[in-house]
């Protein structure tokens, strides 16, 4: 099955949270309510150094995806 790079998610147990799931490496889920990130990968020390520099970019991409999706609902 081919998955999109990003998927929107929500949960009634967390009514204020909006989640964006990144399905490609490195896989993660971000809660846009508070920018909390949960990684689905295990990283070694070498990977973590690179990851720190890319995290800001990943958050930006996830937020841009969410903004584009919301604009589609508003049209």
C-alpha atoms as a PDB file:
ATOM      1  CA  UNK A   1       0.000   0.000   0.000  1.00  0.00           C
ATOM      2  CA  UNK A   2       1.321   3.432  -0.890  1.00  0.00           C
ATOM      3  CA  UNK A   3       0.954   5.958   1.916  1.00  0.00           C
ATOM      4  CA  UNK A   4       0.959   9.733   1.639  1.00  0.00           C
ATOM      5  CA  UNK A   5       3.947  11.480   3.193  1.00  0.00           C
ATOM      6  CA  UNK A   6       1.715  13.218   5.768  1.00  0.00           C
ATOM      7  CA  UNK A   7      -1.588  12.191   7.365  1.00  0.00           C
ATOM      8  CA  UNK A   8      -3.859  14.302   9.597  1.00  0.00           C
ATOM      9  CA  UNK A   9      -5.178  12.738  12.783  1.00  0.00           C
ATOM     10  CA  UNK A  10      -7.330  13.627  15.751  1.00  0.00           C
ATOM     11  CA  UNK A  11      -8.715  11.880  18.795  1.00  0.00           C
ATOM     12  CA  UNK A  12     -11.803  12.701  20.891  1.00  0.00           C
ATOM     13  CA  UNK A  13      -9.828  11.939  24.070  1.00  0.00           C
ATOM     14  CA  UNK A  14      -7.620  14.926  23.195  1.00  0.00           C
ATOM     15  CA  UNK A  15     -10.102  17.418  21.707  1.00  0.00           C
ATOM     16  CA  UNK A  16      -7.638  20.312  21.310  1.00  0.00           C
ATOM     17  CA  UNK A  17      -4.862  18.260  19.727  1.00  0.00           C
ATOM     18  CA  UNK A  18      -4.308  18.065  15.993  1.00  0.00           C
ATOM     19  CA  UNK A  19      -1.796  15.468  14.855  1.00  0.00           C
ATOM     20  CA  UNK A  20       0.256  15.255  11.695  1.00  0.00           C
ATOM     21  CA  UNK A  21       1.819  11.856  11.061  1.00  0.00           C
ATOM     22  CA  UNK A  22       4.939  11.704   8.884  1.00  0.00           C
ATOM     23  CA  UNK A  23       5.058   8.261   7.247  1.00  0.00           C
ATOM     24  CA  UNK A  24       8.524   8.365   5.672  1.00  0.00           C
ATOM     25  CA  UNK A  25      11.898   8.049   7.371  1.00  0.00           C
ATOM     26  CA  UNK A  26      12.285   9.418   9.924  1.00  0.00           C
ATOM     27  CA  UNK A  27       8.714   8.599  10.922  1.00  0.00           C
ATOM     28  CA  UNK A  28       7.124  10.791  13.577  1.00  0.00           C
ATOM     29  CA  UNK A  29       3.891  12.254  14.855  1.00  0.00           C
ATOM     30  CA  UNK A  30       3.606  15.888  15.883  1.00  0.00           C
ATOM     31  CA  UNK A  31       0.903  17.429  18.011  1.00  0.00           C
ATOM     32  CA  UNK A  32       0.375  20.883  16.482  1.00  0.00           C
ATOM     33  CA  UNK A  33      -1.300  22.096  19.668  1.00  0.00           C
ATOM     34  CA  UNK A  34       2.060  22.164  21.461  1.00  0.00           C
ATOM     35  CA  UNK A  35       4.639  21.046  18.809  1.00  0.00           C
ATOM     36  CA  UNK A  36       5.383  17.893  20.809  1.00  0.00           C
ATOM     37  CA  UNK A  37       7.125  15.306  18.639  1.00  0.00           C
ATOM     38  CA  UNK A  38       7.136  11.543  19.037  1.00  0.00           C
ATOM     39  CA  UNK A  39       9.599   9.597  16.898  1.00  0.00           C
ATOM     40  CA  UNK A  40       8.805   6.106  15.601  1.00  0.00           C
ATOM     41  CA  UNK A  41      12.469   5.399  14.919  1.00  0.00           C
ATOM     42  CA  UNK A  42      15.421   4.474  17.102  1.00  0.00           C
ATOM     43  CA  UNK A  43      18.421   6.733  16.576  1.00  0.00           C
ATOM     44  CA  UNK A  44      22.041   6.335  17.517  1.00  0.00           C
ATOM     45  CA  UNK A  45      24.169   9.260  18.712  1.00  0.00           C
ATOM     46  CA  UNK A  46      25.375  10.035  15.188  1.00  0.00           C
ATOM     47  CA  UNK A  47      21.800  10.151  13.851  1.00  0.00           C
ATOM     48  CA  UNK A  48      20.626  12.340  16.709  1.00  0.00           C
ATOM     49  CA  UNK A  49      23.072  15.111  15.826  1.00  0.00           C
ATOM     50  CA  UNK A  50      21.704  15.276  12.280  1.00  0.00           C
ATOM     51  CA  UNK A  51      18.144  14.929  13.546  1.00  0.00           C
ATOM     52  CA  UNK A  52      18.441  17.993  15.760  1.00  0.00           C
ATOM     53  CA  UNK A  53      19.345  20.124  12.758  1.00  0.00           C
ATOM     54  CA  UNK A  54      16.459  18.737  10.677  1.00  0.00           C
ATOM     55  CA  UNK A  55      13.721  18.799  13.332  1.00  0.00           C
ATOM     56  CA  UNK A  56      12.861  22.445  12.733  1.00  0.00           C
ATOM     57  CA  UNK A  57      12.497  21.780   9.009  1.00  0.00           C
ATOM     58  CA  UNK A  58      10.269  18.754   9.656  1.00  0.00           C
ATOM     59  CA  UNK A  59       7.992  20.757  11.944  1.00  0.00           C
ATOM     60  CA  UNK A  60       7.744  23.435   9.266  1.00  0.00           C
ATOM     61  CA  UNK A  61       6.821  20.884   6.578  1.00  0.00           C
ATOM     62  CA  UNK A  62       4.193  19.281   8.820  1.00  0.00           C
ATOM     63  CA  UNK A  63       2.680  22.678   9.636  1.00  0.00           C
ATOM     64  CA  UNK A  64       2.614  23.675   5.961  1.00  0.00           C
ATOM     65  CA  UNK A  65       0.844  20.399   5.127  1.00  0.00           C
ATOM     66  CA  UNK A  66      -1.763  21.099   7.808  1.00  0.00           C
ATOM     67  CA  UNK A  67      -2.301  24.664   6.543  1.00  0.00           C
ATOM     68  CA  UNK A  68      -2.808  23.429   2.947  1.00  0.00           C
ATOM     69  CA  UNK A  69      -5.299  20.792   4.099  1.00  0.00           C
ATOM     70  CA  UNK A  70      -7.305  23.296   6.139  1.00  0.00           C
ATOM     71  CA  UNK A  71      -7.468  25.692   3.183  1.00  0.00           C
ATOM     72  CA  UNK A  72      -9.047  22.899   1.131  1.00  0.00           C
ATOM     73  CA  UNK A  73     -11.808  22.484   3.737  1.00  0.00           C
ATOM     74  CA  UNK A  74     -12.472  26.233   3.777  1.00  0.00           C
ATOM     75  CA  UNK A  75     -12.983  26.478  -0.001  1.00  0.00           C
END
